């Protein structure tokens, strides 16, 4: 489920300028698809950031609330 390789391919596609070229050369429908893809990617980035923050700081937050060190 966690396909890092696919994310790296998407990153490379964007960094290389190919996505911008696809947009510039694309039909109206293709441009809409690309913009929808980028919008979803940004939403997922925000969700990933929120989730990572919760996962990383969960134990620290619990410790602060309870005053008891969480055992790992």
C-alpha atoms as a PDB file:
ATOM      1  CA  UNK A   1       0.000   0.000   0.000  1.00  0.00           C
ATOM      2  CA  UNK A   2       2.852   2.405   0.735  1.00  0.00           C
ATOM      3  CA  UNK A   3       4.359   2.716  -2.721  1.00  0.00           C
ATOM      4  CA  UNK A   4       7.352   4.975  -2.243  1.00  0.00           C
ATOM      5  CA  UNK A   5       8.634   4.184  -5.737  1.00  0.00           C
ATOM      6  CA  UNK A   6       5.447   5.553  -7.310  1.00  0.00           C
ATOM      7  CA  UNK A   7       5.737   8.751  -5.265  1.00  0.00           C
ATOM      8  CA  UNK A   8       9.357   9.141  -6.376  1.00  0.00           C
ATOM      9  CA  UNK A   9       8.254   8.740 -10.001  1.00  0.00           C
ATOM     10  CA  UNK A  10       5.626  11.453  -9.543  1.00  0.00           C
ATOM     11  CA  UNK A  11       8.226  13.705  -7.920  1.00  0.00           C
ATOM     12  CA  UNK A  12      10.605  13.185 -10.839  1.00  0.00           C
ATOM     13  CA  UNK A  13       7.814  13.812 -13.363  1.00  0.00           C
ATOM     14  CA  UNK A  14       7.078  17.153 -11.724  1.00  0.00           C
ATOM     15  CA  UNK A  15      10.727  18.188 -11.174  1.00  0.00           C
ATOM     16  CA  UNK A  16      11.720  17.324 -14.742  1.00  0.00           C
ATOM     17  CA  UNK A  17       9.129  19.696 -16.155  1.00  0.00           C
ATOM     18  CA  UNK A  18       7.275  16.925 -17.963  1.00  0.00           C
ATOM     19  CA  UNK A  19       4.094  17.601 -16.017  1.00  0.00           C
ATOM     20  CA  UNK A  20       4.225  21.271 -17.023  1.00  0.00           C
ATOM     21  CA  UNK A  21       4.799  20.227 -20.639  1.00  0.00           C
ATOM     22  CA  UNK A  22       1.876  17.803 -20.448  1.00  0.00           C
ATOM     23  CA  UNK A  23      -0.260  20.659 -19.183  1.00  0.00           C
ATOM     24  CA  UNK A  24       0.881  23.141 -21.818  1.00  0.00           C
ATOM     25  CA  UNK A  25       0.409  20.654 -24.668  1.00  0.00           C
ATOM     26  CA  UNK A  26      -2.766  19.080 -23.335  1.00  0.00           C
ATOM     27  CA  UNK A  27      -6.365  19.441 -24.297  1.00  0.00           C
ATOM     28  CA  UNK A  28      -8.774  21.294 -22.017  1.00  0.00           C
ATOM     29  CA  UNK A  29      -9.830  17.977 -20.513  1.00  0.00           C
ATOM     30  CA  UNK A  30      -6.217  16.917 -19.927  1.00  0.00           C
ATOM     31  CA  UNK A  31      -5.433  20.255 -18.276  1.00  0.00           C
ATOM     32  CA  UNK A  32      -8.410  19.811 -15.965  1.00  0.00           C
ATOM     33  CA  UNK A  33      -7.206  16.303 -15.088  1.00  0.00           C
ATOM     34  CA  UNK A  34      -3.721  17.588 -14.273  1.00  0.00           C
ATOM     35  CA  UNK A  35      -5.067  20.395 -12.093  1.00  0.00           C
ATOM     36  CA  UNK A  36      -7.364  17.951 -10.292  1.00  0.00           C
ATOM     37  CA  UNK A  37      -4.407  15.604  -9.745  1.00  0.00           C
ATOM     38  CA  UNK A  38      -2.263  18.414  -8.325  1.00  0.00           C
ATOM     39  CA  UNK A  39      -5.085  19.582  -6.068  1.00  0.00           C
ATOM     40  CA  UNK A  40      -5.510  16.065  -4.673  1.00  0.00           C
ATOM     41  CA  UNK A  41      -1.740  15.739  -4.251  1.00  0.00           C
ATOM     42  CA  UNK A  42      -1.679  18.950  -2.211  1.00  0.00           C
ATOM     43  CA  UNK A  43      -4.598  17.750  -0.074  1.00  0.00           C
ATOM     44  CA  UNK A  44      -2.771  14.474   0.559  1.00  0.00           C
ATOM     45  CA  UNK A  45       0.382  16.386   1.481  1.00  0.00           C
ATOM     46  CA  UNK A  46      -1.543  18.338   4.101  1.00  0.00           C
ATOM     47  CA  UNK A  47      -3.118  15.141   5.424  1.00  0.00           C
ATOM     48  CA  UNK A  48       0.277  13.409   5.515  1.00  0.00           C
ATOM     49  CA  UNK A  49       1.771  16.324   7.442  1.00  0.00           C
ATOM     50  CA  UNK A  50      -1.094  16.292   9.941  1.00  0.00           C
ATOM     51  CA  UNK A  51      -0.861  12.514  10.379  1.00  0.00           C
ATOM     52  CA  UNK A  52       2.923  12.518  10.764  1.00  0.00           C
ATOM     53  CA  UNK A  53       2.688  15.255  13.382  1.00  0.00           C
ATOM     54  CA  UNK A  54       0.113  13.276  15.345  1.00  0.00           C
ATOM     55  CA  UNK A  55       2.158  10.081  15.133  1.00  0.00           C
ATOM     56  CA  UNK A  56       5.439  11.733  16.088  1.00  0.00           C
ATOM     57  CA  UNK A  57       4.128  13.838  18.928  1.00  0.00           C
ATOM     58  CA  UNK A  58       1.437  11.482  20.259  1.00  0.00           C
ATOM     59  CA  UNK A  59       3.567  10.083  23.090  1.00  0.00           C
ATOM     60  CA  UNK A  60       4.938  13.510  24.018  1.00  0.00           C
ATOM     61  CA  UNK A  61       1.407  14.895  24.170  1.00  0.00           C
ATOM     62  CA  UNK A  62       0.205  12.009  26.326  1.00  0.00           C
ATOM     63  CA  UNK A  63       3.169  12.471  28.645  1.00  0.00           C
ATOM     64  CA  UNK A  64       2.484  16.185  28.977  1.00  0.00           C
ATOM     65  CA  UNK A  65      -1.178  15.587  29.778  1.00  0.00           C
ATOM     66  CA  UNK A  66      -0.658  12.771  32.245  1.00  0.00           C
ATOM     67  CA  UNK A  67       2.722  13.646  33.680  1.00  0.00           C
ATOM     68  CA  UNK A  68       3.675   9.987  33.229  1.00  0.00           C
ATOM     69  CA  UNK A  69       6.395   8.858  30.798  1.00  0.00           C
ATOM     70  CA  UNK A  70       4.969   6.554  28.124  1.00  0.00           C
ATOM     71  CA  UNK A  71       6.694   3.150  28.012  1.00  0.00           C
ATOM     72  CA  UNK A  72       7.746   1.920  24.572  1.00  0.00           C
END
